[in-house]
Amino acid sequence: MAFTKSSTAILAMVLIAALVMTDVANASSFIAWSGPGCNFRPVQYRNCGCSNINEHGGYTFTYNGQSAAMYNTVNCQGVSHTRFSSSVSSCSAFGWKSMFIQCRK
């Protein structure tokens, strides 16, 4: 079976997409519950960059190589309050309003 330039390019794009999806699947993640505690309506955040947090009952951060900075303001404004570089969880209410997951480029 002969490969044309376009089929080789498509194969390369598929392989790159698979690598990116694997990297995202292994990314660090933050789960926040509406509460009280680690109960009701869990929301998972795993995107690189800034995400606003809407639930504040409890949390679990699962570290998979990407650290996270937690902010007491929306849109990751100002100085971060807390930084996670390992897995951690708490079922107590928290006040962070946004987080920034630092992904490698």
PDB file of N, CA and C in Angstrom:
ATOM      1  N   MET A   1       0.848  -1.175   0.000  1.00  0.00           N
ATOM      2  CA  MET A   1       0.000   0.000   0.000  1.00  0.00           C
ATOM      3  C   MET A   1       0.892   1.237   0.000  1.00  0.00           C
ATOM      4  N   ALA A   2       0.699   2.103  -0.950  1.00  0.00           N
ATOM      5  CA  ALA A   2       1.506   3.312  -1.074  1.00  0.00           C
ATOM      6  C   ALA A   2       0.854   4.456  -0.314  1.00  0.00           C
ATOM      7  N   PHE A   3       1.690   5.248   0.344  1.00  0.00           N
ATOM      8  CA  PHE A   3       1.205   6.419   1.060  1.00  0.00           C
ATOM      9  C   PHE A   3       1.462   7.650   0.214  1.00  0.00           C
ATOM     10  N   THR A   4       0.470   8.500   0.124  1.00  0.00           N
ATOM     11  CA  THR A   4       0.643   9.779  -0.552  1.00  0.00           C
ATOM     12  C   THR A   4       1.054  10.799   0.494  1.00  0.00           C
ATOM     13  N   LYS A   5       1.436  11.980   0.046  1.00  0.00           N
ATOM     14  CA  LYS A   5       1.811  13.035   0.986  1.00  0.00           C
ATOM     15  C   LYS A   5       0.644  13.387   1.895  1.00  0.00           C
ATOM     16  N   SER A   6      -0.565  13.439   1.335  1.00  0.00           N
ATOM     17  CA  SER A   6      -1.726  13.820   2.149  1.00  0.00           C
ATOM     18  C   SER A   6      -2.066  12.733   3.168  1.00  0.00           C
ATOM     19  N   SER A   7      -1.956  11.464   2.797  1.00  0.00           N
ATOM     20  CA  SER A   7      -2.262  10.409   3.772  1.00  0.00           C
ATOM     21  C   SER A   7      -1.195  10.353   4.858  1.00  0.00           C
ATOM     22  N   THR A   8       0.050  10.651   4.518  1.00  0.00           N
ATOM     23  CA  THR A   8       1.115  10.711   5.519  1.00  0.00           C
ATOM     24  C   THR A   8       0.873  11.877   6.472  1.00  0.00           C
ATOM     25  N   ALA A   9       0.444  13.011   5.941  1.00  0.00           N
ATOM     26  CA  ALA A   9       0.148  14.174   6.779  1.00  0.00           C
ATOM     27  C   ALA A   9      -1.020  13.881   7.710  1.00  0.00           C
ATOM     28  N   ILE A  10      -2.043  13.211   7.206  1.00  0.00           N
ATOM     29  CA  ILE A  10      -3.202  12.858   8.038  1.00  0.00           C
ATOM     30  C   ILE A  10      -2.776  11.900   9.142  1.00  0.00           C
ATOM     31  N   LEU A  11      -1.958  10.918   8.814  1.00  0.00           N
ATOM     32  CA  LEU A  11      -1.466   9.974   9.815  1.00  0.00           C
ATOM     33  C   LEU A  11      -0.667  10.699  10.890  1.00  0.00           C
ATOM     34  N   ALA A  12       0.167  11.646  10.488  1.00  0.00           N
ATOM     35  CA  ALA A  12       0.953  12.424  11.448  1.00  0.00           C
ATOM     36  C   ALA A  12       0.042  13.228  12.365  1.00  0.00           C
ATOM     37  N   MET A  13      -1.003  13.849  11.814  1.00  0.00           N
ATOM     38  CA  MET A  13      -1.941  14.628  12.636  1.00  0.00           C
ATOM     39  C   MET A  13      -2.678  13.735  13.622  1.00  0.00           C
ATOM     40  N   VAL A  14      -3.067  12.544  13.201  1.00  0.00           N
ATOM     41  CA  VAL A  14      -3.755  11.607  14.092  1.00  0.00           C
ATOM     42  C   VAL A  14      -2.836  11.200  15.237  1.00  0.00           C
ATOM     43  N   LEU A  15      -1.568  10.926  14.936  1.00  0.00           N
ATOM     44  CA  LEU A  15      -0.617  10.547  15.984  1.00  0.00           C
ATOM     45  C   LEU A  15      -0.383  11.689  16.963  1.00  0.00           C
ATOM     46  N   ILE A  16      -0.267  12.911  16.460  1.00  0.00           N
ATOM     47  CA  ILE A  16      -0.096  14.077  17.335  1.00  0.00           C
ATOM     48  C   ILE A  16      -1.327  14.266  18.206  1.00  0.00           C
ATOM     49  N   ALA A  17      -2.513  14.145  17.629  1.00  0.00           N
ATOM     50  CA  ALA A  17      -3.751  14.275  18.409  1.00  0.00           C
ATOM     51  C   ALA A  17      -3.813  13.214  19.500  1.00  0.00           C
ATOM     52  N   ALA A  18      -3.395  11.995  19.198  1.00  0.00           N
ATOM     53  CA  ALA A  18      -3.403  10.928  20.202  1.00  0.00           C
ATOM     54  C   ALA A  18      -2.446  11.248  21.337  1.00  0.00           C
ATOM     55  N   LEU A  19      -1.277  11.797  21.019  1.00  0.00           N
ATOM     56  CA  LEU A  19      -0.326  12.173  22.062  1.00  0.00           C
ATOM     57  C   LEU A  19      -0.875  13.290  22.934  1.00  0.00           C
ATOM     58  N   VAL A  20      -1.508  14.284  22.322  1.00  0.00           N
ATOM     59  CA  VAL A  20      -2.099  15.391  23.080  1.00  0.00           C
ATOM     60  C   VAL A  20      -3.209  14.878  23.982  1.00  0.00           C
ATOM     61  N   MET A  21      -4.065  14.003  23.462  1.00  0.00           N
ATOM     62  CA  MET A  21      -5.163  13.471  24.269  1.00  0.00           C
ATOM     63  C   MET A  21      -4.626  12.636  25.420  1.00  0.00           C
ATOM     64  N   THR A  22      -3.553  11.901  25.216  1.00  0.00           N
ATOM     65  CA  THR A  22      -2.945  11.126  26.292  1.00  0.00           C
ATOM     66  C   THR A  22      -2.406  12.057  27.357  1.00  0.00           C
ATOM     67  N   ASP A  23      -1.764  13.162  26.941  1.00  0.00           N
ATOM     68  CA  ASP A  23      -1.238  14.124  27.894  1.00  0.00           C
ATOM     69  C   ASP A  23      -2.361  14.751  28.704  1.00  0.00           C
ATOM     70  N   VAL A  24      -3.494  15.097  28.057  1.00  0.00           N
ATOM     71  CA  VAL A  24      -4.637  15.672  28.766  1.00  0.00           C
ATOM     72  C   VAL A  24      -5.230  14.657  29.730  1.00  0.00           C
ATOM     73  N   ALA A  25      -5.305  13.400  29.310  1.00  0.00           N
ATOM     74  CA  ALA A  25      -5.866  12.358  30.170  1.00  0.00           C
ATOM     75  C   ALA A  25      -5.031  12.173  31.424  1.00  0.00           C
ATOM     76  N   ASN A  26      -3.739  12.482  31.358  1.00  0.00           N
ATOM     77  CA  ASN A  26      -2.858  12.331  32.506  1.00  0.00           C
ATOM     78  C   ASN A  26      -2.610  13.644  33.232  1.00  0.00           C
ATOM     79  N   ALA A  27      -3.329  14.690  32.881  1.00  0.00           N
ATOM     80  CA  ALA A  27      -3.119  15.998  33.490  1.00  0.00           C
ATOM     81  C   ALA A  27      -3.592  16.010  34.937  1.00  0.00           C
ATOM     82  N   SER A  28      -3.017  16.919  35.713  1.00  0.00           N
ATOM     83  CA  SER A  28      -3.488  17.120  37.081  1.00  0.00           C
ATOM     84  C   SER A  28      -4.933  17.589  37.034  1.00  0.00           C
ATOM     85  N   SER A  29      -5.671  17.336  38.109  1.00  0.00           N
ATOM     86  CA  SER A  29      -7.078  17.741  38.129  1.00  0.00           C
ATOM     87  C   SER A  29      -7.479  18.214  39.518  1.00  0.00           C
ATOM     88  N   PHE A  30      -8.494  19.056  39.546  1.00  0.00           N
ATOM     89  CA  PHE A  30      -9.048  19.597  40.785  1.00  0.00           C
ATOM     90  C   PHE A  30     -10.540  19.314  40.760  1.00  0.00           C
ATOM     91  N   ILE A  31     -11.047  18.658  41.787  1.00  0.00           N
ATOM     92  CA  ILE A  31     -12.486  18.410  41.916  1.00  0.00           C
ATOM     93  C   ILE A  31     -12.986  19.226  43.095  1.00  0.00           C
ATOM     94  N   ALA A  32     -14.032  20.014  42.867  1.00  0.00           N
ATOM     95  CA  ALA A  32     -14.665  20.806  43.926  1.00  0.00           C
ATOM     96  C   ALA A  32     -16.104  20.341  44.089  1.00  0.00           C
ATOM     97  N   TRP A  33     -16.551  20.190  45.339  1.00  0.00           N
ATOM     98  CA  TRP A  33     -17.926  19.788  45.635  1.00  0.00           C
ATOM     99  C   TRP A  33     -18.705  20.983  46.156  1.00  0.00           C
ATOM    100  N   SER A  34     -20.022  20.945  45.935  1.00  0.00           N
ATOM    101  CA  SER A  34     -20.864  22.038  46.420  1.00  0.00           C
ATOM    102  C   SER A  34     -21.051  21.965  47.930  1.00  0.00           C
ATOM    103  N   GLY A  35     -20.907  20.772  48.502  1.00  0.00           N
ATOM    104  CA  GLY A  35     -20.970  20.632  49.959  1.00  0.00           C
ATOM    105  C   GLY A  35     -22.372  20.456  50.482  1.00  0.00           C
ATOM    106  N   PRO A  36     -22.488  20.295  51.785  1.00  0.00           N
ATOM    107  CA  PRO A  36     -21.377  20.449  52.730  1.00  0.00           C
ATOM    108  C   PRO A  36     -20.338  19.351  52.568  1.00  0.00           C
ATOM    109  N   GLY A  37     -19.091  19.731  52.797  1.00  0.00           N
ATOM    110  CA  GLY A  37     -17.989  18.782  52.669  1.00  0.00           C
ATOM    111  C   GLY A  37     -17.829  18.295  51.243  1.00  0.00           C
ATOM    112  N   CYS A  38     -17.334  17.077  51.114  1.00  0.00           N
ATOM    113  CA  CYS A  38     -17.097  16.473  49.787  1.00  0.00           C
ATOM    114  C   CYS A  38     -18.336  15.717  49.334  1.00  0.00           C
ATOM    115  N   ASN A  39     -19.454  16.418  49.301  1.00  0.00           N
ATOM    116  CA  ASN A  39     -20.738  15.851  48.911  1.00  0.00           C
ATOM    117  C   ASN A  39     -21.424  16.765  47.906  1.00  0.00           C
ATOM    118  N   PHE A  40     -22.244  16.174  47.086  1.00  0.00           N
ATOM    119  CA  PHE A  40     -23.129  16.880  46.163  1.00  0.00           C
ATOM    120  C   PHE A  40     -22.380  17.638  45.073  1.00  0.00           C
ATOM    121  N   ARG A  41     -22.823  17.446  43.882  1.00  0.00           N
ATOM    122  CA  ARG A  41     -22.389  18.171  42.686  1.00  0.00           C
ATOM    123  C   ARG A  41     -20.874  18.353  42.550  1.00  0.00           C
ATOM    124  N   PRO A  42     -20.123  17.287  42.316  1.00  0.00           N
ATOM    125  CA  PRO A  42     -18.687  17.471  42.066  1.00  0.00           C
ATOM    126  C   PRO A  42     -18.452  18.069  40.679  1.00  0.00           C
ATOM    127  N   VAL A  43     -17.531  19.001  40.600  1.00  0.00           N
ATOM    128  CA  VAL A  43     -17.148  19.615  39.330  1.00  0.00           C
ATOM    129  C   VAL A  43     -15.644  19.416  39.166  1.00  0.00           C
ATOM    130  N   GLN A  44     -15.239  18.871  38.021  1.00  0.00           N
ATOM    131  CA  GLN A  44     -13.820  18.615  37.785  1.00  0.00           C
ATOM    132  C   GLN A  44     -13.226  19.682  36.879  1.00  0.00           C
ATOM    133  N   TYR A  45     -12.054  20.174  37.279  1.00  0.00           N
ATOM    134  CA  TYR A  45     -11.295  21.154  36.502  1.00  0.00           C
ATOM    135  C   TYR A  45      -9.967  20.508  36.128  1.00  0.00           C
ATOM    136  N   ARG A  46      -9.630  20.491  34.844  1.00  0.00           N
ATOM    137  CA  ARG A  46      -8.356  19.910  34.422  1.00  0.00           C
ATOM    138  C   ARG A  46      -7.733  20.665  33.255  1.00  0.00           C
ATOM    139  N   ASN A  47      -8.330  21.784  32.865  1.00  0.00           N
ATOM    140  CA  ASN A  47      -7.782  22.569  31.757  1.00  0.00           C
ATOM    141  C   ASN A  47      -6.527  23.309  32.185  1.00  0.00           C
ATOM    142  N   CYS A  48      -5.578  23.414  31.282  1.00  0.00           N
ATOM    143  CA  CYS A  48      -4.398  24.232  31.524  1.00  0.00           C
ATOM    144  C   CYS A  48      -4.825  25.693  31.563  1.00  0.00           C
ATOM    145  N   GLY A  49      -4.151  26.479  32.380  1.00  0.00           N
ATOM    146  CA  GLY A  49      -4.472  27.889  32.482  1.00  0.00           C
ATOM    147  C   GLY A  49      -5.464  28.157  33.598  1.00  0.00           C
ATOM    148  N   CYS A  50      -6.162  29.285  33.493  1.00  0.00           N
ATOM    149  CA  CYS A  50      -7.052  29.756  34.558  1.00  0.00           C
ATOM    150  C   CYS A  50      -8.470  29.215  34.411  1.00  0.00           C
ATOM    151  N   SER A  51      -9.041  28.790  35.533  1.00  0.00           N
ATOM    152  CA  SER A  51     -10.449  28.364  35.596  1.00  0.00           C
ATOM    153  C   SER A  51     -11.073  28.967  36.841  1.00  0.00           C
ATOM    154  N   ASN A  52     -12.270  29.516  36.706  1.00  0.00           N
ATOM    155  CA  ASN A  52     -13.004  29.996  37.874  1.00  0.00           C
ATOM    156  C   ASN A  52     -13.678  28.815  38.557  1.00  0.00           C
ATOM    157  N   ILE A  53     -13.712  28.837  39.889  1.00  0.00           N
ATOM    158  CA  ILE A  53     -14.265  27.742  40.686  1.00  0.00           C
ATOM    159  C   ILE A  53     -15.625  28.174  41.216  1.00  0.00           C
ATOM    160  N   ASN A  54     -16.655  27.358  40.953  1.00  0.00           N
ATOM    161  CA  ASN A  54     -18.014  27.719  41.353  1.00  0.00           C
ATOM    162  C   ASN A  54     -18.520  26.964  42.571  1.00  0.00           C
ATOM    163  N   GLU A  55     -17.889  25.863  42.931  1.00  0.00           N
ATOM    164  CA  GLU A  55     -18.307  25.067  44.091  1.00  0.00           C
ATOM    165  C   GLU A  55     -17.232  25.199  45.164  1.00  0.00           C
ATOM    166  N   HIS A  56     -17.638  25.261  46.448  1.00  0.00           N
ATOM    167  CA  HIS A  56     -16.666  25.543  47.506  1.00  0.00           C
ATOM    168  C   HIS A  56     -16.848  24.704  48.768  1.00  0.00           C
ATOM    169  N   GLY A  57     -17.464  23.506  48.653  1.00  0.00           N
ATOM    170  CA  GLY A  57     -17.714  22.687  49.840  1.00  0.00           C
ATOM    171  C   GLY A  57     -16.520  21.883  50.305  1.00  0.00           C
ATOM    172  N   GLY A  58     -15.756  21.349  49.393  1.00  0.00           N
ATOM    173  CA  GLY A  58     -14.573  20.545  49.671  1.00  0.00           C
ATOM    174  C   GLY A  58     -13.849  20.337  48.357  1.00  0.00           C
ATOM    175  N   TYR A  59     -12.631  19.776  48.410  1.00  0.00           N
ATOM    176  CA  TYR A  59     -11.867  19.626  47.173  1.00  0.00           C
ATOM    177  C   TYR A  59     -10.905  18.447  47.237  1.00  0.00           C
ATOM    178  N   THR A  60     -10.502  18.022  46.057  1.00  0.00           N
ATOM    179  CA  THR A  60      -9.422  17.056  45.882  1.00  0.00           C
ATOM    180  C   THR A  60      -8.583  17.521  44.705  1.00  0.00           C
ATOM    181  N   PHE A  61      -7.284  17.673  44.927  1.00  0.00           N
ATOM    182  CA  PHE A  61      -6.359  17.969  43.837  1.00  0.00           C
ATOM    183  C   PHE A  61      -5.508  16.731  43.618  1.00  0.00           C
ATOM    184  N   THR A  62      -5.525  16.218  42.394  1.00  0.00           N
ATOM    185  CA  THR A  62      -4.724  15.054  42.028  1.00  0.00           C
ATOM    186  C   THR A  62      -3.564  15.523  41.163  1.00  0.00           C
ATOM    187  N   TYR A  63      -2.360  15.412  41.709  1.00  0.00           N
ATOM    188  CA  TYR A  63      -1.155  15.880  41.018  1.00  0.00           C
ATOM    189  C   TYR A  63      -0.636  14.813  40.063  1.00  0.00           C
ATOM    190  N   ASN A  64      -0.494  15.194  38.801  1.00  0.00           N
ATOM    191  CA  ASN A  64       0.075  14.307  37.781  1.00  0.00           C
ATOM    192  C   ASN A  64       1.152  15.036  36.985  1.00  0.00           C
ATOM    193  N   GLY A  65       1.904  15.905  37.660  1.00  0.00           N
ATOM    194  CA  GLY A  65       3.004  16.606  37.002  1.00  0.00           C
ATOM    195  C   GLY A  65       2.762  18.077  36.738  1.00  0.00           C
ATOM    196  N   GLN A  66       1.512  18.545  36.857  1.00  0.00           N
ATOM    197  CA  GLN A  66       1.196  19.957  36.636  1.00  0.00           C
ATOM    198  C   GLN A  66       0.780  20.572  37.970  1.00  0.00           C
ATOM    199  N   SER A  67       1.500  21.606  38.401  1.00  0.00           N
ATOM    200  CA  SER A  67       1.151  22.268  39.658  1.00  0.00           C
ATOM    201  C   SER A  67      -0.042  23.195  39.440  1.00  0.00           C
ATOM    202  N   ALA A  68      -0.651  23.610  40.545  1.00  0.00           N
ATOM    203  CA  ALA A  68      -1.801  24.519  40.475  1.00  0.00           C
ATOM    204  C   ALA A  68      -1.626  25.640  41.489  1.00  0.00           C
ATOM    205  N   ALA A  69      -1.991  26.834  41.090  1.00  0.00           N
ATOM    206  CA  ALA A  69      -1.994  27.995  41.973  1.00  0.00           C
ATOM    207  C   ALA A  69      -3.443  28.383  42.225  1.00  0.00           C
ATOM    208  N   MET A  70      -3.799  28.582  43.494  1.00  0.00           N
ATOM    209  CA  MET A  70      -5.167  28.901  43.887  1.00  0.00           C
ATOM    210  C   MET A  70      -5.262  30.389  44.231  1.00  0.00           C
ATOM    211  N   TYR A  71      -6.331  31.026  43.764  1.00  0.00           N
ATOM    212  CA  TYR A  71      -6.525  32.467  43.945  1.00  0.00           C
ATOM    213  C   TYR A  71      -7.816  32.749  44.700  1.00  0.00           C
ATOM    214  N   ASN A  72      -7.792  33.784  45.533  1.00  0.00           N
ATOM    215  CA  ASN A  72      -8.994  34.212  46.250  1.00  0.00           C
ATOM    216  C   ASN A  72      -9.845  35.153  45.407  1.00  0.00           C
ATOM    217  N   THR A  73      -9.438  35.392  44.169  1.00  0.00           N
ATOM    218  CA  THR A  73     -10.153  36.273  43.248  1.00  0.00           C
ATOM    219  C   THR A  73     -10.533  35.486  41.995  1.00  0.00           C
ATOM    220  N   VAL A  74     -11.505  35.974  41.249  1.00  0.00           N
ATOM    221  CA  VAL A  74     -11.857  35.342  39.975  1.00  0.00           C
ATOM    222  C   VAL A  74     -10.790  35.680  38.934  1.00  0.00           C
ATOM    223  N   ASN A  75     -10.726  34.888  37.891  1.00  0.00           N
ATOM    224  CA  ASN A  75      -9.840  35.109  36.746  1.00  0.00           C
ATOM    225  C   ASN A  75      -8.353  35.139  37.107  1.00  0.00           C
ATOM    226  N   CYS A  76      -7.982  34.494  38.219  1.00  0.00           N
ATOM    227  CA  CYS A  76      -6.569  34.359  38.624  1.00  0.00           C
ATOM    228  C   CYS A  76      -5.870  35.714  38.732  1.00  0.00           C
ATOM    229  N   GLN A  77      -6.572  36.704  39.248  1.00  0.00           N
ATOM    230  CA  GLN A  77      -6.016  38.044  39.393  1.00  0.00           C
ATOM    231  C   GLN A  77      -5.226  38.163  40.690  1.00  0.00           C
ATOM    232  N   GLY A  78      -4.155  38.958  40.655  1.00  0.00           N
ATOM    233  CA  GLY A  78      -3.365  39.211  41.854  1.00  0.00           C
ATOM    234  C   GLY A  78      -2.381  38.081  42.142  1.00  0.00           C
ATOM    235  N   VAL A  79      -2.056  37.941  43.417  1.00  0.00           N
ATOM    236  CA  VAL A  79      -1.079  36.950  43.869  1.00  0.00           C
ATOM    237  C   VAL A  79      -1.809  35.689  44.308  1.00  0.00           C
ATOM    238  N   SER A  80      -1.261  34.537  43.952  1.00  0.00           N
ATOM    239  CA  SER A  80      -1.909  33.283  44.359  1.00  0.00           C
ATOM    240  C   SER A  80      -1.837  33.117  45.874  1.00  0.00           C
ATOM    241  N   HIS A  81      -2.849  32.481  46.434  1.00  0.00           N
ATOM    242  CA  HIS A  81      -2.948  32.258  47.873  1.00  0.00           C
ATOM    243  C   HIS A  81      -2.257  30.963  48.278  1.00  0.00           C
ATOM    244  N   THR A  82      -2.427  29.928  47.478  1.00  0.00           N
ATOM    245  CA  THR A  82      -1.908  28.595  47.782  1.00  0.00           C
ATOM    246  C   THR A  82      -1.420  27.957  46.493  1.00  0.00           C
ATOM    247  N   ARG A  83      -0.386  27.122  46.607  1.00  0.00           N
ATOM    248  CA  ARG A  83       0.124  26.391  45.439  1.00  0.00           C
ATOM    249  C   ARG A  83       0.176  24.911  45.779  1.00  0.00           C
ATOM    250  N   PHE A  84      -0.321  24.081  44.846  1.00  0.00           N
ATOM    251  CA  PHE A  84      -0.278  22.630  45.008  1.00  0.00           C
ATOM    252  C   PHE A  84       0.768  22.048  44.061  1.00  0.00           C
ATOM    253  N   SER A  85       1.700  21.266  44.618  1.00  0.00           N
ATOM    254  CA  SER A  85       2.669  20.544  43.788  1.00  0.00           C
ATOM    255  C   SER A  85       2.709  19.074  44.200  1.00  0.00           C
ATOM    256  N   SER A  86       1.634  18.656  44.871  1.00  0.00           N
ATOM    257  CA  SER A  86       1.426  17.248  45.219  1.00  0.00           C
ATOM    258  C   SER A  86      -0.077  17.061  45.422  1.00  0.00           C
ATOM    259  N   SER A  87      -0.507  15.818  45.479  1.00  0.00           N
ATOM    260  CA  SER A  87      -1.941  15.541  45.664  1.00  0.00           C
ATOM    261  C   SER A  87      -2.360  15.916  47.081  1.00  0.00           C
ATOM    262  N   VAL A  88      -3.562  16.486  47.197  1.00  0.00           N
ATOM    263  CA  VAL A  88      -4.069  16.937  48.495  1.00  0.00           C
ATOM    264  C   VAL A  88      -5.592  16.999  48.427  1.00  0.00           C
ATOM    265  N   SER A  89      -6.246  16.866  49.567  1.00  0.00           N
ATOM    266  CA  SER A  89      -7.706  17.002  49.600  1.00  0.00           C
ATOM    267  C   SER A  89      -8.151  17.497  50.963  1.00  0.00           C
ATOM    268  N   SER A  90      -9.327  18.092  50.982  1.00  0.00           N
ATOM    269  CA  SER A  90      -9.948  18.553  52.216  1.00  0.00           C
ATOM    270  C   SER A  90     -11.455  18.594  52.005  1.00  0.00           C
ATOM    271  N   CYS A  91     -12.190  18.155  53.004  1.00  0.00           N
ATOM    272  CA  CYS A  91     -13.651  18.199  52.922  1.00  0.00           C
ATOM    273  C   CYS A  91     -14.207  19.364  53.730  1.00  0.00           C
ATOM    274  N   SER A  92     -13.400  20.397  53.918  1.00  0.00           N
ATOM    275  CA  SER A  92     -13.839  21.632  54.560  1.00  0.00           C
ATOM    276  C   SER A  92     -14.064  22.685  53.483  1.00  0.00           C
ATOM    277  N   ALA A  93     -14.943  23.620  53.768  1.00  0.00           N
ATOM    278  CA  ALA A  93     -15.216  24.702  52.821  1.00  0.00           C
ATOM    279  C   ALA A  93     -13.937  25.507  52.570  1.00  0.00           C
ATOM    280  N   PHE A  94     -13.812  26.064  51.375  1.00  0.00           N
ATOM    281  CA  PHE A  94     -12.642  26.866  51.019  1.00  0.00           C
ATOM    282  C   PHE A  94     -13.094  28.108  50.267  1.00  0.00           C
ATOM    283  N   GLY A  95     -12.234  29.119  50.216  1.00  0.00           N
ATOM    284  CA  GLY A  95     -12.605  30.393  49.618  1.00  0.00           C
ATOM    285  C   GLY A  95     -11.988  30.703  48.270  1.00  0.00           C
ATOM    286  N   TRP A  96     -11.180  29.802  47.715  1.00  0.00           N
ATOM    287  CA  TRP A  96     -10.562  30.087  46.418  1.00  0.00           C
ATOM    288  C   TRP A  96     -11.633  30.266  45.354  1.00  0.00           C
ATOM    289  N   LYS A  97     -11.456  31.275  44.534  1.00  0.00           N
ATOM    290  CA  LYS A  97     -12.437  31.564  43.487  1.00  0.00           C
ATOM    291  C   LYS A  97     -11.935  31.203  42.095  1.00  0.00           C
ATOM    292  N   SER A  98     -10.626  30.964  41.965  1.00  0.00           N
ATOM    293  CA  SER A  98     -10.075  30.543  40.675  1.00  0.00           C
ATOM    294  C   SER A  98      -8.780  29.777  40.896  1.00  0.00           C
ATOM    295  N   MET A  99      -8.362  29.077  39.843  1.00  0.00           N
ATOM    296  CA  MET A  99      -7.115  28.306  39.910  1.00  0.00           C
ATOM    297  C   MET A  99      -6.429  28.337  38.556  1.00  0.00           C
ATOM    298  N   PHE A 100      -5.114  28.186  38.588  1.00  0.00           N
ATOM    299  CA  PHE A 100      -4.319  28.170  37.363  1.00  0.00           C
ATOM    300  C   PHE A 100      -3.492  26.895  37.354  1.00  0.00           C
ATOM    301  N   ILE A 101      -3.769  26.005  36.398  1.00  0.00           N
ATOM    302  CA  ILE A 101      -2.975  24.787  36.252  1.00  0.00           C
ATOM    303  C   ILE A 101      -1.863  25.080  35.251  1.00  0.00           C
ATOM    304  N   GLN A 102      -0.635  24.921  35.723  1.00  0.00           N
ATOM    305  CA  GLN A 102       0.543  25.198  34.896  1.00  0.00           C
ATOM    306  C   GLN A 102       0.930  23.950  34.119  1.00  0.00           C
ATOM    307  N   CYS A 103       0.670  23.954  32.822  1.00  0.00           N
ATOM    308  CA  CYS A 103       1.011  22.812  31.971  1.00  0.00           C
ATOM    309  C   CYS A 103       2.291  23.098  31.210  1.00  0.00           C
ATOM    310  N   ARG A 104       3.019  22.058  30.930  1.00  0.00           N
ATOM    311  CA  ARG A 104       4.260  22.179  30.157  1.00  0.00           C
ATOM    312  C   ARG A 104       3.925  22.441  28.697  1.00  0.00           C
ATOM    313  N   LYS A 105       4.734  23.215  28.074  1.00  0.00           N
ATOM    314  CA  LYS A 105       4.535  23.526  26.650  1.00  0.00           C
ATOM    315  C   LYS A 105       5.592  22.835  25.836  1.00  0.00           C
TER     316      LYS A 105
END
